[in-house]
Amino acid sequence: DEARLTPDLVALKAQQTQMKQLLADKQYAAY
């Protein structure tokens, strides 16, 4: 279970970064 946490966290952080960029680009529907 612990081994599953690391890639899951990496994926969450990547998606969060992408979502922040969508907000910054005012792409609200995509966000």
PDB file of all heavy atoms in Angstrom:
ATOM      1  N   ASP A   1       0.828  -1.211   0.000  1.00  0.00           N
ATOM      2  CA  ASP A   1       0.000   0.000   0.000  1.00  0.00           C
ATOM      3  C   ASP A   1       0.861   1.258   0.000  1.00  0.00           C
ATOM      4  O   ASP A   1       0.559   2.231  -0.700  1.00  0.00           O
ATOM      5  CB  ASP A   1      -0.941   0.017   1.203  1.00  0.00           C
ATOM      6  CG  ASP A   1      -2.104  -0.950   1.038  1.00  0.00           C
ATOM      7  OD1 ASP A   1      -2.303  -1.477  -0.076  1.00  0.00           O
ATOM      8  OD2 ASP A   1      -2.817  -1.180   2.033  1.00  0.00           O
ATOM      9  N   GLU A   2       1.941   1.227   0.771  1.00  0.00           N
ATOM     10  CA  GLU A   2       2.818   2.391   0.842  1.00  0.00           C
ATOM     11  C   GLU A   2       3.467   2.656  -0.517  1.00  0.00           C
ATOM     12  O   GLU A   2       3.612   3.810  -0.925  1.00  0.00           O
ATOM     13  CB  GLU A   2       3.878   2.169   1.926  1.00  0.00           C
ATOM     14  CG  GLU A   2       4.564   3.416   2.384  1.00  0.00           C
ATOM     15  CD  GLU A   2       5.425   3.177   3.610  1.00  0.00           C
ATOM     16  OE1 GLU A   2       6.001   2.093   3.753  1.00  0.00           O
ATOM     17  OE2 GLU A   2       5.505   4.091   4.425  1.00  0.00           O
ATOM     18  N   ALA A   3       3.816   1.591  -1.219  1.00  0.00           N
ATOM     19  CA  ALA A   3       4.419   1.747  -2.549  1.00  0.00           C
ATOM     20  C   ALA A   3       3.441   2.370  -3.541  1.00  0.00           C
ATOM     21  O   ALA A   3       3.859   3.070  -4.468  1.00  0.00           O
ATOM     22  CB  ALA A   3       4.900   0.394  -3.062  1.00  0.00           C
ATOM     23  N   ARG A   4       2.158   2.143  -3.345  1.00  0.00           N
ATOM     24  CA  ARG A   4       1.144   2.734  -4.229  1.00  0.00           C
ATOM     25  C   ARG A   4       0.984   4.229  -3.964  1.00  0.00           C
ATOM     26  O   ARG A   4       0.543   4.982  -4.857  1.00  0.00           O
ATOM     27  CB  ARG A   4      -0.199   2.037  -4.037  1.00  0.00           C
ATOM     28  CG  ARG A   4      -0.254   0.648  -4.618  1.00  0.00           C
ATOM     29  CD  ARG A   4      -1.565  -0.072  -4.353  1.00  0.00           C
ATOM     30  NE  ARG A   4      -2.741   0.761  -4.494  1.00  0.00           N
ATOM     31  CZ  ARG A   4      -3.883   0.526  -3.857  1.00  0.00           C
ATOM     32  NH1 ARG A   4      -3.993  -0.490  -3.032  1.00  0.00           N
ATOM     33  NH2 ARG A   4      -4.921   1.318  -4.047  1.00  0.00           N
ATOM     34  N   LEU A   5       1.296   4.671  -2.759  1.00  0.00           N
ATOM     35  CA  LEU A   5       1.082   6.077  -2.414  1.00  0.00           C
ATOM     36  C   LEU A   5       1.975   7.017  -3.220  1.00  0.00           C
ATOM     37  O   LEU A   5       1.530   8.086  -3.644  1.00  0.00           O
ATOM     38  CB  LEU A   5       1.317   6.302  -0.915  1.00  0.00           C
ATOM     39  CG  LEU A   5       0.239   5.764   0.015  1.00  0.00           C
ATOM     40  CD1 LEU A   5       0.675   5.902   1.471  1.00  0.00           C
ATOM     41  CD2 LEU A   5      -1.086   6.468  -0.219  1.00  0.00           C
ATOM     42  N   THR A   6       3.217   6.653  -3.431  1.00  0.00           N
ATOM     43  CA  THR A   6       4.162   7.554  -4.099  1.00  0.00           C
ATOM     44  C   THR A   6       3.730   7.908  -5.519  1.00  0.00           C
ATOM     45  O   THR A   6       3.623   9.100  -5.848  1.00  0.00           O
ATOM     46  CB  THR A   6       5.581   6.961  -4.077  1.00  0.00           C
ATOM     47  OG1 THR A   6       5.971   6.774  -2.714  1.00  0.00           O
ATOM     48  CG2 THR A   6       6.574   7.884  -4.756  1.00  0.00           C
ATOM     49  N   PRO A   7       3.453   6.912  -6.378  1.00  0.00           N
ATOM     50  CA  PRO A   7       3.023   7.312  -7.730  1.00  0.00           C
ATOM     51  C   PRO A   7       1.674   8.033  -7.733  1.00  0.00           C
ATOM     52  O   PRO A   7       1.446   8.914  -8.562  1.00  0.00           O
ATOM     53  CB  PRO A   7       2.955   5.990  -8.505  1.00  0.00           C
ATOM     54  CG  PRO A   7       2.985   4.912  -7.491  1.00  0.00           C
ATOM     55  CD  PRO A   7       3.626   5.469  -6.267  1.00  0.00           C
ATOM     56  N   ASP A   8       0.800   7.656  -6.799  1.00  0.00           N
ATOM     57  CA  ASP A   8      -0.484   8.357  -6.711  1.00  0.00           C
ATOM     58  C   ASP A   8      -0.282   9.830  -6.359  1.00  0.00           C
ATOM     59  O   ASP A   8      -0.940  10.712  -6.918  1.00  0.00           O
ATOM     60  CB  ASP A   8      -1.398   7.701  -5.674  1.00  0.00           C
ATOM     61  CG  ASP A   8      -1.945   6.353  -6.115  1.00  0.00           C
ATOM     62  OD1 ASP A   8      -1.701   5.948  -7.279  1.00  0.00           O
ATOM     63  OD2 ASP A   8      -2.624   5.701  -5.299  1.00  0.00           O
ATOM     64  N   LEU A   9       0.629  10.105  -5.428  1.00  0.00           N
ATOM     65  CA  LEU A   9       0.899  11.481  -5.038  1.00  0.00           C
ATOM     66  C   LEU A   9       1.537  12.263  -6.186  1.00  0.00           C
ATOM     67  O   LEU A   9       1.176  13.418  -6.428  1.00  0.00           O
ATOM     68  CB  LEU A   9       1.802  11.524  -3.802  1.00  0.00           C
ATOM     69  CG  LEU A   9       2.122  12.902  -3.247  1.00  0.00           C
ATOM     70  CD1 LEU A   9       0.838  13.648  -2.853  1.00  0.00           C
ATOM     71  CD2 LEU A   9       3.063  12.790  -2.053  1.00  0.00           C
ATOM     72  N   VAL A  10       2.440  11.627  -6.902  1.00  0.00           N
ATOM     73  CA  VAL A  10       3.069  12.279  -8.062  1.00  0.00           C
ATOM     74  C   VAL A  10       1.998  12.642  -9.095  1.00  0.00           C
ATOM     75  O   VAL A  10       1.996  13.757  -9.630  1.00  0.00           O
ATOM     76  CB  VAL A  10       4.153  11.363  -8.680  1.00  0.00           C
ATOM     77  CG1 VAL A  10       4.615  11.899 -10.028  1.00  0.00           C
ATOM     78  CG2 VAL A  10       5.339  11.223  -7.728  1.00  0.00           C
ATOM     79  N   ALA A  11       1.075  11.715  -9.342  1.00  0.00           N
ATOM     80  CA  ALA A  11       0.000  11.981 -10.315  1.00  0.00           C
ATOM     81  C   ALA A  11      -0.905  13.109  -9.834  1.00  0.00           C
ATOM     82  O   ALA A  11      -1.308  13.977 -10.628  1.00  0.00           O
ATOM     83  CB  ALA A  11      -0.810  10.710 -10.551  1.00  0.00           C
ATOM     84  N   LEU A  12      -1.218  13.119  -8.529  1.00  0.00           N
ATOM     85  CA  LEU A  12      -2.059  14.199  -7.991  1.00  0.00           C
ATOM     86  C   LEU A  12      -1.376  15.554  -8.129  1.00  0.00           C
ATOM     87  O   LEU A  12      -2.011  16.536  -8.522  1.00  0.00           O
ATOM     88  CB  LEU A  12      -2.382  13.938  -6.522  1.00  0.00           C
ATOM     89  CG  LEU A  12      -3.518  12.960  -6.236  1.00  0.00           C
ATOM     90  CD1 LEU A  12      -3.577  12.633  -4.754  1.00  0.00           C
ATOM     91  CD2 LEU A  12      -4.844  13.539  -6.705  1.00  0.00           C
ATOM     92  N   LYS A  13      -0.100  15.599  -7.813  1.00  0.00           N
ATOM     93  CA  LYS A  13       0.632  16.869  -7.923  1.00  0.00           C
ATOM     94  C   LYS A  13       0.697  17.338  -9.367  1.00  0.00           C
ATOM     95  O   LYS A  13       0.578  18.541  -9.643  1.00  0.00           O
ATOM     96  CB  LYS A  13       2.029  16.739  -7.320  1.00  0.00           C
ATOM     97  CG  LYS A  13       2.011  16.675  -5.812  1.00  0.00           C
ATOM     98  CD  LYS A  13       3.425  16.635  -5.239  1.00  0.00           C
ATOM     99  CE  LYS A  13       3.375  16.654  -3.720  1.00  0.00           C
ATOM    100  NZ  LYS A  13       4.715  16.702  -3.120  1.00  0.00           N
ATOM    101  N   ALA A  14       0.883  16.410 -10.286  1.00  0.00           N
ATOM    102  CA  ALA A  14       0.930  16.778 -11.711  1.00  0.00           C
ATOM    103  C   ALA A  14      -0.417  17.319 -12.170  1.00  0.00           C
ATOM    104  O   ALA A  14      -0.483  18.340 -12.868  1.00  0.00           O
ATOM    105  CB  ALA A  14       1.333  15.564 -12.551  1.00  0.00           C
ATOM    106  N   GLN A  15      -1.485  16.653 -11.753  1.00  0.00           N
ATOM    107  CA  GLN A  15      -2.820  17.124 -12.134  1.00  0.00           C
ATOM    108  C   GLN A  15      -3.115  18.470 -11.481  1.00  0.00           C
ATOM    109  O   GLN A  15      -3.707  19.354 -12.105  1.00  0.00           O
ATOM    110  CB  GLN A  15      -3.889  16.094 -11.755  1.00  0.00           C
ATOM    111  CG  GLN A  15      -5.264  16.459 -12.284  1.00  0.00           C
ATOM    112  CD  GLN A  15      -6.290  15.362 -12.068  1.00  0.00           C
ATOM    113  OE1 GLN A  15      -6.014  14.326 -11.486  1.00  0.00           O
ATOM    114  NE2 GLN A  15      -7.493  15.604 -12.561  1.00  0.00           N
ATOM    115  N   GLN A  16      -2.686  18.643 -10.242  1.00  0.00           N
ATOM    116  CA  GLN A  16      -2.900  19.920  -9.555  1.00  0.00           C
ATOM    117  C   GLN A  16      -2.173  21.049 -10.292  1.00  0.00           C
ATOM    118  O   GLN A  16      -2.721  22.135 -10.475  1.00  0.00           O
ATOM    119  CB  GLN A  16      -2.408  19.814  -8.115  1.00  0.00           C
ATOM    120  CG  GLN A  16      -2.646  21.065  -7.300  1.00  0.00           C
ATOM    121  CD  GLN A  16      -2.120  20.918  -5.886  1.00  0.00           C
ATOM    122  OE1 GLN A  16      -1.049  20.355  -5.672  1.00  0.00           O
ATOM    123  NE2 GLN A  16      -2.875  21.417  -4.935  1.00  0.00           N
ATOM    124  N   THR A  17      -0.955  20.791 -10.717  1.00  0.00           N
ATOM    125  CA  THR A  17      -0.187  21.787 -11.467  1.00  0.00           C
ATOM    126  C   THR A  17      -0.899  22.146 -12.766  1.00  0.00           C
ATOM    127  O   THR A  17      -1.013  23.328 -13.129  1.00  0.00           O
ATOM    128  CB  THR A  17       1.234  21.263 -11.760  1.00  0.00           C
ATOM    129  OG1 THR A  17       1.899  21.020 -10.519  1.00  0.00           O
ATOM    130  CG2 THR A  17       2.038  22.250 -12.592  1.00  0.00           C
ATOM    131  N   GLN A  18      -1.392  21.118 -13.445  1.00  0.00           N
ATOM    132  CA  GLN A  18      -2.121  21.348 -14.689  1.00  0.00           C
ATOM    133  C   GLN A  18      -3.391  22.168 -14.441  1.00  0.00           C
ATOM    134  O   GLN A  18      -3.703  23.103 -15.186  1.00  0.00           O
ATOM    135  CB  GLN A  18      -2.475  20.009 -15.336  1.00  0.00           C
ATOM    136  CG  GLN A  18      -3.231  20.147 -16.643  1.00  0.00           C
ATOM    137  CD  GLN A  18      -3.687  18.800 -17.183  1.00  0.00           C
ATOM    138  OE1 GLN A  18      -3.838  17.837 -16.445  1.00  0.00           O
ATOM    139  NE2 GLN A  18      -3.902  18.746 -18.488  1.00  0.00           N
ATOM    140  N   MET A  19      -4.077  21.849 -13.365  1.00  0.00           N
ATOM    141  CA  MET A  19      -5.312  22.571 -13.054  1.00  0.00           C
ATOM    142  C   MET A  19      -5.026  24.027 -12.685  1.00  0.00           C
ATOM    143  O   MET A  19      -5.772  24.930 -13.065  1.00  0.00           O
ATOM    144  CB  MET A  19      -6.073  21.858 -11.942  1.00  0.00           C
ATOM    145  CG  MET A  19      -6.656  20.509 -12.380  1.00  0.00           C
ATOM    146  SD  MET A  19      -7.395  19.557 -11.033  1.00  0.00           S
ATOM    147  CE  MET A  19      -8.853  20.556 -10.711  1.00  0.00           C
ATOM    148  N   LYS A  20      -3.942  24.256 -11.945  1.00  0.00           N
ATOM    149  CA  LYS A  20      -3.571  25.638 -11.613  1.00  0.00           C
ATOM    150  C   LYS A  20      -3.266  26.422 -12.878  1.00  0.00           C
ATOM    151  O   LYS A  20      -3.605  27.609 -12.981  1.00  0.00           O
ATOM    152  CB  LYS A  20      -2.373  25.654 -10.669  1.00  0.00           C
ATOM    153  CG  LYS A  20      -2.720  25.275  -9.253  1.00  0.00           C
ATOM    154  CD  LYS A  20      -1.491  25.335  -8.359  1.00  0.00           C
ATOM    155  CE  LYS A  20      -1.835  24.994  -6.923  1.00  0.00           C
ATOM    156  NZ  LYS A  20      -0.664  25.064  -6.037  1.00  0.00           N
ATOM    157  N   GLN A  21      -2.641  25.772 -13.846  1.00  0.00           N
ATOM    158  CA  GLN A  21      -2.322  26.439 -15.103  1.00  0.00           C
ATOM    159  C   GLN A  21      -3.596  26.765 -15.872  1.00  0.00           C
ATOM    160  O   GLN A  21      -3.711  27.833 -16.476  1.00  0.00           O
ATOM    161  CB  GLN A  21      -1.379  25.580 -15.953  1.00  0.00           C
ATOM    162  CG  GLN A  21      -0.871  26.283 -17.193  1.00  0.00           C
ATOM    163  CD  GLN A  21      -0.115  27.555 -16.865  1.00  0.00           C
ATOM    164  OE1 GLN A  21       0.790  27.559 -16.031  1.00  0.00           O
ATOM    165  NE2 GLN A  21      -0.482  28.660 -17.511  1.00  0.00           N
ATOM    166  N   LEU A  22      -4.547  25.844 -15.819  1.00  0.00           N
ATOM    167  CA  LEU A  22      -5.830  26.108 -16.485  1.00  0.00           C
ATOM    168  C   LEU A  22      -6.503  27.341 -15.887  1.00  0.00           C
ATOM    169  O   LEU A  22      -7.053  28.167 -16.617  1.00  0.00           O
ATOM    170  CB  LEU A  22      -6.758  24.891 -16.379  1.00  0.00           C
ATOM    171  CG  LEU A  22      -6.362  23.666 -17.197  1.00  0.00           C
ATOM    172  CD1 LEU A  22      -7.249  22.476 -16.849  1.00  0.00           C
ATOM    173  CD2 LEU A  22      -6.435  23.971 -18.696  1.00  0.00           C
ATOM    174  N   LEU A  23      -6.454  27.450 -14.558  1.00  0.00           N
ATOM    175  CA  LEU A  23      -7.020  28.636 -13.909  1.00  0.00           C
ATOM    176  C   LEU A  23      -6.269  29.896 -14.311  1.00  0.00           C
ATOM    177  O   LEU A  23      -6.885  30.932 -14.600  1.00  0.00           O
ATOM    178  CB  LEU A  23      -6.995  28.478 -12.392  1.00  0.00           C
ATOM    179  CG  LEU A  23      -8.089  27.627 -11.770  1.00  0.00           C
ATOM    180  CD1 LEU A  23      -7.898  27.555 -10.252  1.00  0.00           C
ATOM    181  CD2 LEU A  23      -9.469  28.174 -12.095  1.00  0.00           C
ATOM    182  N   ALA A  24      -4.940  29.784 -14.320  1.00  0.00           N
ATOM    183  CA  ALA A  24      -4.125  30.948 -14.684  1.00  0.00           C
ATOM    184  C   ALA A  24      -4.422  31.390 -16.116  1.00  0.00           C
ATOM    185  O   ALA A  24      -4.390  32.587 -16.427  1.00  0.00           O
ATOM    186  CB  ALA A  24      -2.639  30.624 -14.529  1.00  0.00           C
ATOM    187  N   ASP A  25      -4.716  30.410 -16.977  1.00  0.00           N
ATOM    188  CA  ASP A  25      -5.032  30.709 -18.380  1.00  0.00           C
ATOM    189  C   ASP A  25      -6.515  31.019 -18.581  1.00  0.00           C
ATOM    190  O   ASP A  25      -6.967  31.176 -19.720  1.00  0.00           O
ATOM    191  CB  ASP A  25      -4.638  29.526 -19.278  1.00  0.00           C
ATOM    192  CG  ASP A  25      -3.147  29.291 -19.313  1.00  0.00           C
ATOM    193  OD1 ASP A  25      -2.376  30.195 -18.929  1.00  0.00           O
ATOM    194  OD2 ASP A  25      -2.737  28.168 -19.706  1.00  0.00           O
ATOM    195  N   LYS A  26      -7.248  31.093 -17.462  1.00  0.00           N
ATOM    196  CA  LYS A  26      -8.684  31.391 -17.491  1.00  0.00           C
ATOM    197  C   LYS A  26      -9.488  30.392 -18.332  1.00  0.00           C
ATOM    198  O   LYS A  26     -10.491  30.738 -18.946  1.00  0.00           O
ATOM    199  CB  LYS A  26      -8.927  32.820 -17.954  1.00  0.00           C
ATOM    200  CG  LYS A  26      -8.289  33.837 -17.023  1.00  0.00           C
ATOM    201  CD  LYS A  26      -8.556  35.246 -17.438  1.00  0.00           C
ATOM    202  CE  LYS A  26      -7.853  36.166 -16.447  1.00  0.00           C
ATOM    203  NZ  LYS A  26      -8.001  37.562 -16.727  1.00  0.00           N
ATOM    204  N   GLN A  27      -9.054  29.149 -18.307  1.00  0.00           N
ATOM    205  CA  GLN A  27      -9.762  28.074 -19.001  1.00  0.00           C
ATOM    206  C   GLN A  27     -10.650  27.359 -17.974  1.00  0.00           C
ATOM    207  O   GLN A  27     -10.408  26.228 -17.578  1.00  0.00           O
ATOM    208  CB  GLN A  27      -8.770  27.099 -19.648  1.00  0.00           C
ATOM    209  CG  GLN A  27      -7.933  27.737 -20.732  1.00  0.00           C
ATOM    210  CD  GLN A  27      -6.993  26.734 -21.375  1.00  0.00           C
ATOM    211  OE1 GLN A  27      -7.260  25.535 -21.394  1.00  0.00           O
ATOM    212  NE2 GLN A  27      -5.892  27.228 -21.912  1.00  0.00           N
ATOM    213  N   TYR A  28     -11.673  28.064 -17.562  1.00  0.00           N
ATOM    214  CA  TYR A  28     -12.501  27.612 -16.456  1.00  0.00           C
ATOM    215  C   TYR A  28     -13.279  26.334 -16.763  1.00  0.00           C
ATOM    216  O   TYR A  28     -13.438  25.476 -15.892  1.00  0.00           O
ATOM    217  CB  TYR A  28     -13.446  28.726 -16.015  1.00  0.00           C
ATOM    218  CG  TYR A  28     -12.704  29.980 -15.602  1.00  0.00           C
ATOM    219  CD1 TYR A  28     -12.881  31.168 -16.290  1.00  0.00           C
ATOM    220  CD2 TYR A  28     -11.805  29.954 -14.540  1.00  0.00           C
ATOM    221  CE1 TYR A  28     -12.190  32.326 -15.920  1.00  0.00           C
ATOM    222  CE2 TYR A  28     -11.121  31.099 -14.157  1.00  0.00           C
ATOM    223  CZ  TYR A  28     -11.312  32.270 -14.851  1.00  0.00           C
ATOM    224  OH  TYR A  28     -10.618  33.402 -14.480  1.00  0.00           O
ATOM    225  N   ALA A  29     -13.740  26.188 -17.972  1.00  0.00           N
ATOM    226  CA  ALA A  29     -14.496  24.986 -18.331  1.00  0.00           C
ATOM    227  C   ALA A  29     -13.600  23.752 -18.259  1.00  0.00           C
ATOM    228  O   ALA A  29     -13.999  22.707 -17.730  1.00  0.00           O
ATOM    229  CB  ALA A  29     -15.105  25.128 -19.727  1.00  0.00           C
ATOM    230  N   ALA A  30     -12.388  23.879 -18.760  1.00  0.00           N
ATOM    231  CA  ALA A  30     -11.444  22.755 -18.712  1.00  0.00           C
ATOM    232  C   ALA A  30     -11.062  22.441 -17.266  1.00  0.00           C
ATOM    233  O   ALA A  30     -10.949  21.273 -16.880  1.00  0.00           O
ATOM    234  CB  ALA A  30     -10.203  23.078 -19.541  1.00  0.00           C
ATOM    235  N   TYR A  31     -10.884  23.493 -16.474  1.00  0.00           N
ATOM    236  CA  TYR A  31     -10.578  23.311 -15.056  1.00  0.00           C
ATOM    237  C   TYR A  31     -11.726  22.592 -14.355  1.00  0.00           C
ATOM    238  O   TYR A  31     -11.525  21.597 -13.649  1.00  0.00           O
ATOM    239  CB  TYR A  31     -10.315  24.663 -14.393  1.00  0.00           C
ATOM    240  CG  TYR A  31     -10.197  24.583 -12.888  1.00  0.00           C
ATOM    241  CD1 TYR A  31      -8.979  24.291 -12.291  1.00  0.00           C
ATOM    242  CD2 TYR A  31     -11.307  24.785 -12.062  1.00  0.00           C
ATOM    243  CE1 TYR A  31      -8.862  24.192 -10.908  1.00  0.00           C
ATOM    244  CE2 TYR A  31     -11.207  24.695 -10.688  1.00  0.00           C
ATOM    245  CZ  TYR A  31      -9.977  24.401 -10.105  1.00  0.00           C
ATOM    246  OH  TYR A  31      -9.872  24.298  -8.745  1.00  0.00           O
TER     247      TYR A  31
END
